[in-house]
Amino acid sequence: MVRLKNITSMDLQVPALGDQVVKAGETVDVDDALVGVREDEHGDLLGNVWPESNWEVQADDDLTVAELREQLKAKGLPTSGTKDELLARLAEADTEGEGE
C-alpha cells in the first residue's frame, strides 16, 4: 500500500478508485498496482492516481496525531496514546493487513 496526499487546491475524482473523490489536502491509501499510468488491452489509458503534480507520497510519520487517530479509527483500533504509540499501532495493523 502507498499513502498519497492530494496536494492540489481542489477535490480530485479518481477513476482507479471507483471514482472516489479525494478532497484537497486529504490522504488516501492506494494499492501499489494502481500507482502509475496503466493501459487496457486496447492501449487506452486507464484512470490512475498518480499524475505526480497532484499527489505526494506520505510516510506515516508525516501524519499529524489527528490524522493518525483518523486512520486508526477507520481500522477499528484504539486511538489513545502518544504519536510514537499511534505510529507503532498503525504499522502493526498495516503489517498484519499485508499478511491476509
N, C-alpha and C. Protein backbone atom coordinates (compact mmCIF):
# COMPACT_ATOMS: atom_id res chain seq x y z
N MET A 1 0.83 -1.19 0.00
CA MET A 1 0.00 0.00 0.00
C MET A 1 0.88 1.25 0.00
N VAL A 2 0.36 2.27 -0.65
CA VAL A 2 1.03 3.56 -0.70
C VAL A 2 0.02 4.59 -0.20
N ARG A 3 0.46 5.49 0.67
CA ARG A 3 -0.40 6.57 1.14
C ARG A 3 -0.08 7.81 0.33
N LEU A 4 -1.09 8.33 -0.36
CA LEU A 4 -0.92 9.51 -1.20
C LEU A 4 -1.72 10.67 -0.63
N LYS A 5 -1.17 11.87 -0.74
CA LYS A 5 -1.86 13.08 -0.30
C LYS A 5 -2.17 13.93 -1.51
N ASN A 6 -3.42 14.38 -1.61
CA ASN A 6 -3.84 15.30 -2.65
C ASN A 6 -3.25 16.66 -2.32
N ILE A 7 -2.28 17.11 -3.12
CA ILE A 7 -1.62 18.38 -2.82
C ILE A 7 -2.14 19.53 -3.69
N THR A 8 -3.28 19.31 -4.34
CA THR A 8 -3.89 20.38 -5.12
C THR A 8 -4.84 21.17 -4.23
N SER A 9 -5.38 22.23 -4.78
CA SER A 9 -6.35 23.04 -4.04
C SER A 9 -7.78 22.64 -4.39
N MET A 10 -7.94 21.51 -5.10
CA MET A 10 -9.29 21.07 -5.49
C MET A 10 -9.47 19.59 -5.18
N ASP A 11 -10.73 19.18 -5.11
CA ASP A 11 -11.05 17.77 -4.92
C ASP A 11 -10.78 17.03 -6.22
N LEU A 12 -10.25 15.79 -6.11
CA LEU A 12 -9.92 15.00 -7.30
C LEU A 12 -10.75 13.73 -7.31
N GLN A 13 -11.44 13.50 -8.44
CA GLN A 13 -12.17 12.25 -8.64
C GLN A 13 -11.20 11.25 -9.27
N VAL A 14 -11.07 10.07 -8.68
CA VAL A 14 -10.06 9.12 -9.11
C VAL A 14 -10.72 7.88 -9.69
N PRO A 15 -10.72 7.74 -11.04
CA PRO A 15 -11.35 6.58 -11.67
C PRO A 15 -10.78 5.24 -11.18
N ALA A 16 -9.49 5.18 -10.93
CA ALA A 16 -8.86 3.92 -10.49
C ALA A 16 -9.34 3.50 -9.11
N LEU A 17 -9.97 4.40 -8.38
CA LEU A 17 -10.50 4.09 -7.05
C LEU A 17 -12.02 4.07 -7.08
N GLY A 18 -12.59 3.69 -8.22
CA GLY A 18 -14.04 3.64 -8.34
C GLY A 18 -14.68 5.00 -8.28
N ASP A 19 -13.99 5.99 -8.84
CA ASP A 19 -14.44 7.38 -8.87
C ASP A 19 -14.56 8.01 -7.48
N GLN A 20 -13.81 7.47 -6.53
CA GLN A 20 -13.74 8.07 -5.20
C GLN A 20 -13.21 9.49 -5.31
N VAL A 21 -13.78 10.38 -4.54
CA VAL A 21 -13.32 11.76 -4.51
C VAL A 21 -12.39 11.94 -3.32
N VAL A 22 -11.19 12.45 -3.59
CA VAL A 22 -10.23 12.74 -2.53
C VAL A 22 -10.14 14.25 -2.43
N LYS A 23 -10.55 14.77 -1.28
CA LYS A 23 -10.58 16.22 -1.10
C LYS A 23 -9.18 16.80 -1.02
N ALA A 24 -9.07 18.07 -1.33
CA ALA A 24 -7.79 18.78 -1.25
C ALA A 24 -7.19 18.60 0.14
N GLY A 25 -5.93 18.20 0.18
CA GLY A 25 -5.23 18.03 1.44
C GLY A 25 -5.44 16.69 2.13
N GLU A 26 -6.37 15.87 1.64
CA GLU A 26 -6.62 14.58 2.27
C GLU A 26 -5.67 13.51 1.74
N THR A 27 -5.52 12.46 2.53
CA THR A 27 -4.71 11.33 2.11
C THR A 27 -5.60 10.14 1.80
N VAL A 28 -5.07 9.24 0.99
CA VAL A 28 -5.79 8.01 0.65
C VAL A 28 -4.76 6.89 0.53
N ASP A 29 -5.12 5.71 1.03
CA ASP A 29 -4.28 4.53 0.88
C ASP A 29 -4.63 3.86 -0.44
N VAL A 30 -3.60 3.58 -1.23
CA VAL A 30 -3.80 3.05 -2.57
C VAL A 30 -2.93 1.81 -2.77
N ASP A 31 -3.49 0.80 -3.41
CA ASP A 31 -2.72 -0.39 -3.75
C ASP A 31 -1.60 0.01 -4.70
N ASP A 32 -0.41 -0.55 -4.48
CA ASP A 32 0.74 -0.23 -5.33
C ASP A 32 0.44 -0.40 -6.81
N ALA A 33 -0.40 -1.37 -7.15
CA ALA A 33 -0.70 -1.65 -8.55
C ALA A 33 -1.46 -0.50 -9.23
N LEU A 34 -2.09 0.36 -8.44
CA LEU A 34 -2.86 1.46 -9.01
C LEU A 34 -2.03 2.71 -9.22
N VAL A 35 -0.81 2.70 -8.75
CA VAL A 35 0.04 3.88 -8.87
C VAL A 35 0.77 3.82 -10.19
N GLY A 36 0.58 4.85 -11.00
CA GLY A 36 1.23 4.91 -12.30
C GLY A 36 0.20 4.82 -13.41
N VAL A 37 0.64 5.08 -14.61
CA VAL A 37 -0.24 5.04 -15.78
C VAL A 37 -0.40 3.59 -16.21
N ARG A 38 -1.62 3.20 -16.47
CA ARG A 38 -1.90 1.84 -16.94
C ARG A 38 -2.70 1.91 -18.22
N GLU A 39 -2.63 0.87 -19.01
CA GLU A 39 -3.38 0.78 -20.26
C GLU A 39 -4.22 -0.48 -20.25
N ASP A 40 -5.38 -0.43 -20.92
CA ASP A 40 -6.17 -1.64 -21.08
C ASP A 40 -5.68 -2.40 -22.30
N GLU A 41 -6.37 -3.49 -22.64
CA GLU A 41 -5.92 -4.34 -23.74
C GLU A 41 -5.94 -3.64 -25.10
N HIS A 42 -6.62 -2.51 -25.21
CA HIS A 42 -6.69 -1.75 -26.46
C HIS A 42 -5.69 -0.60 -26.50
N GLY A 43 -4.91 -0.45 -25.44
CA GLY A 43 -3.94 0.63 -25.38
C GLY A 43 -4.51 1.94 -24.87
N ASP A 44 -5.80 1.92 -24.46
CA ASP A 44 -6.40 3.13 -23.91
C ASP A 44 -5.93 3.32 -22.47
N LEU A 45 -5.65 4.55 -22.10
CA LEU A 45 -5.20 4.82 -20.74
C LEU A 45 -6.34 4.60 -19.76
N LEU A 46 -6.04 3.89 -18.71
CA LEU A 46 -7.00 3.72 -17.62
C LEU A 46 -6.74 4.80 -16.60
N GLY A 47 -7.75 5.13 -15.84
CA GLY A 47 -7.57 6.12 -14.80
C GLY A 47 -6.48 5.70 -13.84
N ASN A 48 -5.69 6.63 -13.42
CA ASN A 48 -4.66 6.33 -12.44
C ASN A 48 -4.72 7.39 -11.36
N VAL A 49 -3.96 7.18 -10.33
CA VAL A 49 -3.98 8.13 -9.22
C VAL A 49 -2.65 8.83 -9.07
N TRP A 50 -1.87 8.86 -10.12
CA TRP A 50 -0.52 9.37 -9.94
C TRP A 50 -0.07 10.37 -10.97
N PRO A 51 -0.84 11.38 -11.32
CA PRO A 51 -0.18 12.50 -12.01
C PRO A 51 0.66 13.17 -10.92
N GLU A 52 1.98 13.06 -11.02
CA GLU A 52 2.85 13.47 -9.91
C GLU A 52 2.61 14.89 -9.43
N SER A 53 2.10 15.76 -10.29
CA SER A 53 1.86 17.13 -9.87
C SER A 53 0.68 17.24 -8.90
N ASN A 54 -0.14 16.19 -8.79
CA ASN A 54 -1.33 16.23 -7.94
C ASN A 54 -1.16 15.50 -6.61
N TRP A 55 -0.16 14.62 -6.51
CA TRP A 55 -0.06 13.72 -5.36
C TRP A 55 1.33 13.73 -4.76
N GLU A 56 1.39 13.46 -3.49
CA GLU A 56 2.66 13.35 -2.77
C GLU A 56 2.59 12.07 -1.92
N VAL A 57 3.64 11.27 -1.98
CA VAL A 57 3.69 10.07 -1.14
C VAL A 57 3.89 10.51 0.30
N GLN A 58 3.10 9.94 1.20
CA GLN A 58 3.16 10.30 2.61
C GLN A 58 3.68 9.13 3.43
N ALA A 59 4.65 9.39 4.25
CA ALA A 59 5.11 8.41 5.22
C ALA A 59 4.24 8.56 6.46
N ASP A 60 4.05 7.47 7.19
CA ASP A 60 3.21 7.53 8.38
C ASP A 60 3.67 8.60 9.36
N ASP A 61 4.99 8.77 9.50
CA ASP A 61 5.46 9.74 10.48
C ASP A 61 5.27 11.19 10.04
N ASP A 62 4.83 11.40 8.79
CA ASP A 62 4.48 12.74 8.32
C ASP A 62 3.08 13.15 8.76
N LEU A 63 2.28 12.17 9.21
CA LEU A 63 0.91 12.45 9.60
C LEU A 63 0.87 13.13 10.97
N THR A 64 -0.13 13.95 11.15
CA THR A 64 -0.35 14.56 12.46
C THR A 64 -1.01 13.52 13.38
N VAL A 65 -1.03 13.82 14.67
CA VAL A 65 -1.68 12.91 15.62
C VAL A 65 -3.15 12.75 15.25
N ALA A 66 -3.81 13.84 14.87
CA ALA A 66 -5.22 13.76 14.48
C ALA A 66 -5.41 12.85 13.27
N GLU A 67 -4.51 12.95 12.28
CA GLU A 67 -4.60 12.09 11.10
C GLU A 67 -4.33 10.63 11.45
N LEU A 68 -3.37 10.40 12.34
CA LEU A 68 -3.11 9.03 12.80
C LEU A 68 -4.33 8.45 13.50
N ARG A 69 -4.95 9.26 14.33
CA ARG A 69 -6.16 8.79 15.04
C ARG A 69 -7.28 8.47 14.06
N GLU A 70 -7.42 9.28 13.01
CA GLU A 70 -8.44 9.01 11.98
C GLU A 70 -8.17 7.66 11.31
N GLN A 71 -6.90 7.42 10.96
CA GLN A 71 -6.52 6.16 10.31
C GLN A 71 -6.82 4.98 11.23
N LEU A 72 -6.46 5.10 12.51
CA LEU A 72 -6.70 4.02 13.46
C LEU A 72 -8.19 3.80 13.68
N LYS A 73 -8.94 4.88 13.79
CA LYS A 73 -10.39 4.77 13.99
C LYS A 73 -11.03 4.05 12.81
N ALA A 74 -10.59 4.37 11.60
CA ALA A 74 -11.13 3.73 10.40
C ALA A 74 -10.85 2.22 10.39
N LYS A 75 -9.79 1.81 11.08
CA LYS A 75 -9.43 0.39 11.15
C LYS A 75 -10.01 -0.28 12.40
N GLY A 76 -10.76 0.49 13.19
CA GLY A 76 -11.37 -0.05 14.40
C GLY A 76 -10.39 -0.31 15.52
N LEU A 77 -9.30 0.45 15.53
CA LEU A 77 -8.25 0.28 16.54
C LEU A 77 -8.28 1.40 17.56
N PRO A 78 -7.71 1.17 18.75
CA PRO A 78 -7.66 2.22 19.78
C PRO A 78 -6.93 3.47 19.26
N THR A 79 -7.40 4.62 19.69
CA THR A 79 -6.85 5.89 19.20
C THR A 79 -6.14 6.69 20.28
N SER A 80 -5.94 6.10 21.44
CA SER A 80 -5.26 6.83 22.52
C SER A 80 -3.77 6.53 22.49
N GLY A 81 -2.98 7.45 23.05
CA GLY A 81 -1.55 7.25 23.16
C GLY A 81 -0.77 8.38 22.54
N THR A 82 0.56 8.27 22.67
CA THR A 82 1.45 9.26 22.09
C THR A 82 1.57 9.03 20.59
N LYS A 83 2.18 9.98 19.88
CA LYS A 83 2.35 9.83 18.45
C LYS A 83 3.15 8.57 18.12
N ASP A 84 4.20 8.30 18.90
CA ASP A 84 5.00 7.09 18.66
C ASP A 84 4.17 5.83 18.86
N GLU A 85 3.31 5.82 19.86
CA GLU A 85 2.45 4.66 20.10
C GLU A 85 1.44 4.48 18.96
N LEU A 86 0.89 5.60 18.49
CA LEU A 86 -0.07 5.55 17.38
C LEU A 86 0.61 5.04 16.11
N LEU A 87 1.83 5.54 15.85
CA LEU A 87 2.59 5.08 14.68
C LEU A 87 2.86 3.58 14.75
N ALA A 88 3.26 3.11 15.93
CA ALA A 88 3.54 1.68 16.10
C ALA A 88 2.29 0.85 15.89
N ARG A 89 1.16 1.31 16.41
CA ARG A 89 -0.11 0.58 16.27
C ARG A 89 -0.54 0.53 14.80
N LEU A 90 -0.38 1.65 14.10
CA LEU A 90 -0.74 1.70 12.69
C LEU A 90 0.18 0.81 11.86
N ALA A 91 1.47 0.84 12.15
CA ALA A 91 2.43 0.00 11.43
C ALA A 91 2.11 -1.48 11.65
N GLU A 92 1.78 -1.84 12.89
CA GLU A 92 1.44 -3.23 13.20
C GLU A 92 0.18 -3.65 12.44
N ALA A 93 -0.81 -2.78 12.39
CA ALA A 93 -2.05 -3.09 11.67
C ALA A 93 -1.77 -3.24 10.17
N ASP A 94 -0.92 -2.36 9.62
CA ASP A 94 -0.59 -2.45 8.20
C ASP A 94 0.16 -3.74 7.89
N THR A 95 1.06 -4.15 8.78
CA THR A 95 1.81 -5.39 8.59
C THR A 95 0.89 -6.60 8.65
N GLU A 96 -0.03 -6.59 9.61
CA GLU A 96 -1.00 -7.69 9.72
C GLU A 96 -1.90 -7.74 8.51
N GLY A 97 -2.28 -6.56 7.97
CA GLY A 97 -3.15 -6.50 6.80
C GLY A 97 -2.48 -7.05 5.55
N GLU A 98 -1.15 -6.89 5.44
CA GLU A 98 -0.43 -7.40 4.28
C GLU A 98 -0.36 -8.91 4.29
N GLY A 99 -0.42 -9.53 5.47
CA GLY A 99 -0.32 -10.97 5.58
C GLY A 99 -1.62 -11.69 5.27
N GLU A 100 -2.70 -10.96 5.12
CA GLU A 100 -4.01 -11.58 4.85
C GLU A 100 -4.18 -11.92 3.41
